[in-house]
Amino acid sequence: MLKKAIRILGVVGALSLSTFLAAQEEGTPFPFTVYETYADFAPVMAQDNDTTYVINFWATWCKPCVEELPYFDSLHVNVAQKPVKVLLVSLDFRRDLTRKLVPFLAEHPLKPPVAVLLDGKYNDWIDKVSTEWDGAIPATVVYQGGKRIFHGEQFSSYSELTDLLAELKQ
């Protein structure tokens, strides 16, 4: 179905939920990037430039994940003029995209871009994200070039998230 990543920016904020769901029935793409496999997603985790990447793995059904999303919203706004990119990678199940993720994004418009990784073969790719990752979410990877830091639990504050970025720069 969706073999390649599709990016539509701003659709959720511009459309009401009912309008969006009606458009979905007509075949309109999702308002987020969809990666069918980790192999499709892997280039996101391997950028080698002067940009710092903050990649957060989360799901709508994960309460700690949802609780920390405002920190990533704030970070996205506060680093807008810096070489930092924030990406929220949902691990919601395929069956939940239209019935849970789309409504969640309509009710909680997130500032950073959202992507979905549908590859359910978690044991095949979790170690590729980080050998420290046991698979629990939320999980965040911050990296720039060859330097990488993994955070495998909920952030307790915005400053804890920004401290992780500062640690990467040391």
Protein backbone atom coordinates (compact mmCIF):
# COMPACT_ATOMS: atom_id res chain seq x y z
CA MET A 1 0.00 0.00 0.00
CA LEU A 2 2.29 2.79 1.20
CA LYS A 3 5.70 1.59 0.06
CA LYS A 4 7.39 4.97 0.17
CA ALA A 5 7.33 7.72 2.75
CA ILE A 6 4.60 10.26 2.15
CA ARG A 7 4.78 13.70 3.71
CA ILE A 8 1.86 16.06 3.86
CA LEU A 9 2.52 19.01 6.14
CA GLY A 10 -0.19 20.86 7.97
CA VAL A 11 -3.15 18.72 6.88
CA VAL A 12 -4.34 17.79 10.36
CA GLY A 13 -4.30 21.39 11.56
CA ALA A 14 -6.10 22.62 8.44
CA LEU A 15 -8.87 20.02 8.34
CA SER A 16 -11.43 19.03 10.89
CA LEU A 17 -11.31 15.40 11.97
CA SER A 18 -14.50 14.53 10.10
CA THR A 19 -13.24 16.21 6.92
CA PHE A 20 -9.92 14.41 7.23
CA LEU A 21 -11.50 11.01 7.83
CA ALA A 22 -13.82 11.52 4.85
CA ALA A 23 -10.80 12.40 2.72
CA GLN A 24 -9.03 9.26 4.00
CA GLU A 25 -11.86 7.14 2.65
CA GLU A 26 -11.24 8.73 -0.76
CA GLY A 27 -7.56 7.73 -0.67
CA THR A 28 -5.95 10.96 0.53
CA PRO A 29 -2.49 10.33 2.07
CA PHE A 30 -1.97 10.44 5.82
CA PRO A 31 -0.82 13.75 7.35
CA PHE A 32 2.45 12.15 8.41
CA THR A 33 5.29 10.18 6.93
CA VAL A 34 4.73 6.41 6.88
CA TYR A 35 7.63 3.96 6.83
CA GLU A 36 6.60 0.38 6.13
CA THR A 37 9.96 -1.12 7.18
CA TYR A 38 12.93 -0.16 9.28
CA ALA A 39 15.04 -0.35 6.12
CA ASP A 40 12.92 2.51 4.74
CA PHE A 41 13.39 4.46 7.98
CA ALA A 42 17.11 3.70 8.52
CA PRO A 43 18.42 6.73 6.56
CA VAL A 44 16.70 8.99 9.12
CA MET A 45 18.95 7.48 11.78
CA ALA A 46 22.11 7.87 9.70
CA GLN A 47 22.31 11.53 8.67
CA ASP A 48 25.92 12.68 8.70
CA ASN A 49 26.01 16.46 8.72
CA ASP A 50 26.18 19.35 11.19
CA THR A 51 22.53 18.99 12.22
CA THR A 52 21.55 17.49 15.55
CA TYR A 53 18.65 15.03 15.28
CA VAL A 54 16.24 14.34 18.12
CA ILE A 55 14.25 11.19 17.32
CA ASN A 56 11.52 10.24 19.79
CA PHE A 57 9.75 6.88 19.60
CA TRP A 58 6.24 7.00 21.06
CA ALA A 59 2.64 5.77 20.62
CA THR A 60 -0.79 7.17 21.37
CA TRP A 61 -1.51 4.27 23.75
CA CYS A 62 1.61 5.03 25.83
CA LYS A 63 0.70 7.45 28.65
CA PRO A 64 4.32 8.42 29.51
CA CYS A 65 4.94 9.06 25.81
CA VAL A 66 1.97 11.40 25.52
CA GLU A 67 2.91 13.18 28.76
CA GLU A 68 6.34 14.15 27.41
CA LEU A 69 5.18 15.33 23.97
CA PRO A 70 4.87 18.98 25.11
CA TYR A 71 8.63 18.97 25.81
CA PHE A 72 9.31 18.02 22.19
CA ASP A 73 6.87 20.69 21.02
CA SER A 74 8.76 23.29 23.04
CA LEU A 75 12.11 22.04 21.84
CA HIS A 76 10.98 22.18 18.22
CA VAL A 77 9.92 25.82 18.64
CA ASN A 78 13.01 26.84 20.61
CA VAL A 79 15.51 25.36 18.13
CA ALA A 80 13.72 26.49 14.97
CA GLN A 81 16.62 28.76 13.97
CA LYS A 82 19.33 26.25 14.88
CA PRO A 83 20.63 23.15 13.10
CA VAL A 84 18.41 20.83 15.17
CA LYS A 85 15.60 18.65 13.85
CA VAL A 86 13.00 16.96 16.02
CA LEU A 87 11.07 13.96 14.71
CA LEU A 88 8.31 12.11 16.56
CA VAL A 89 8.15 8.48 15.40
CA SER A 90 4.88 6.81 16.28
CA LEU A 91 4.92 3.07 16.80
CA ASP A 92 1.13 2.86 16.68
CA PHE A 93 -0.18 -0.24 14.95
CA ARG A 94 -1.35 -0.09 11.33
CA ARG A 95 -4.95 -0.80 12.38
CA ASP A 96 -4.83 2.24 14.69
CA LEU A 97 -3.64 4.87 12.22
CA THR A 98 -7.05 6.20 11.21
CA ARG A 99 -8.93 5.27 14.33
CA LYS A 100 -6.41 6.43 16.98
CA LEU A 101 -3.40 8.32 15.59
CA VAL A 102 -5.25 10.64 13.19
CA PRO A 103 -7.82 11.67 15.83
CA PHE A 104 -5.02 12.12 18.39
CA LEU A 105 -3.14 14.45 16.03
CA ALA A 106 -6.34 16.37 15.27
CA GLU A 107 -6.95 16.90 18.99
CA HIS A 108 -3.28 17.52 19.86
CA PRO A 109 -1.61 19.30 16.93
CA LEU A 110 2.08 18.60 17.36
CA LYS A 111 4.66 21.10 16.16
CA PRO A 112 7.46 18.68 15.17
CA PRO A 113 6.96 16.44 12.17
CA VAL A 114 5.42 13.06 12.90
CA ALA A 115 6.35 9.80 11.22
CA VAL A 116 5.00 6.29 11.66
CA LEU A 117 7.16 3.18 11.64
CA LEU A 118 4.97 0.16 10.89
CA ASP A 119 7.68 -2.50 10.96
CA GLY A 120 6.42 -4.94 13.60
CA LYS A 121 9.62 -7.00 13.54
CA TYR A 122 10.93 -5.00 16.50
CA ASN A 123 13.57 -7.52 17.51
CA ASP A 124 15.15 -7.15 14.07
CA TRP A 125 15.67 -3.39 14.31
CA ILE A 126 15.65 -2.15 17.92
CA ASP A 127 19.40 -2.79 18.31
CA LYS A 128 19.98 -0.79 15.12
CA VAL A 129 18.47 2.23 16.84
CA SER A 130 20.48 1.62 20.01
CA THR A 131 22.00 -1.45 21.62
CA GLU A 132 20.89 0.11 24.92
CA TRP A 133 17.22 -0.01 23.94
CA ASP A 134 15.15 -2.82 25.47
CA GLY A 135 12.17 -1.92 23.29
CA ALA A 136 10.16 0.02 25.88
CA ILE A 137 8.78 3.42 24.95
CA PRO A 138 9.14 6.31 25.21
CA ALA A 139 12.65 6.21 23.86
CA THR A 140 14.72 9.00 22.38
CA VAL A 141 17.90 9.11 20.35
CA VAL A 142 19.84 12.34 19.97
CA TYR A 143 22.65 12.28 17.46
CA GLN A 144 24.92 14.38 15.33
CA GLY A 145 27.21 12.63 12.89
CA GLY A 146 28.89 9.76 14.73
CA LYS A 147 27.99 10.92 18.24
CA ARG A 148 24.80 9.39 19.65
CA ILE A 149 23.01 9.42 23.02
CA PHE A 150 20.11 7.15 23.92
CA HIS A 151 17.48 7.98 26.55
CA GLY A 152 15.22 5.02 27.32
CA GLU A 153 12.64 6.49 29.64
CA GLN A 154 10.16 9.33 29.99
CA PHE A 155 11.62 12.82 30.32
CA SER A 156 10.57 14.33 33.62
CA SER A 157 10.97 17.91 32.38
CA TYR A 158 11.84 20.07 29.42
CA SER A 159 15.21 20.85 31.01
CA GLU A 160 16.02 17.13 31.18
CA LEU A 161 15.51 16.98 27.40
CA THR A 162 17.62 20.07 26.73
CA ASP A 163 20.34 18.72 29.05
CA LEU A 164 20.56 15.69 26.76
CA LEU A 165 21.21 17.96 23.79
CA ALA A 166 23.85 19.85 25.78
CA GLU A 167 25.50 16.55 26.70
CA LEU A 168 25.79 15.68 23.03
CA LYS A 169 27.63 18.95 22.38
CA GLN A 170 30.27 18.29 25.07
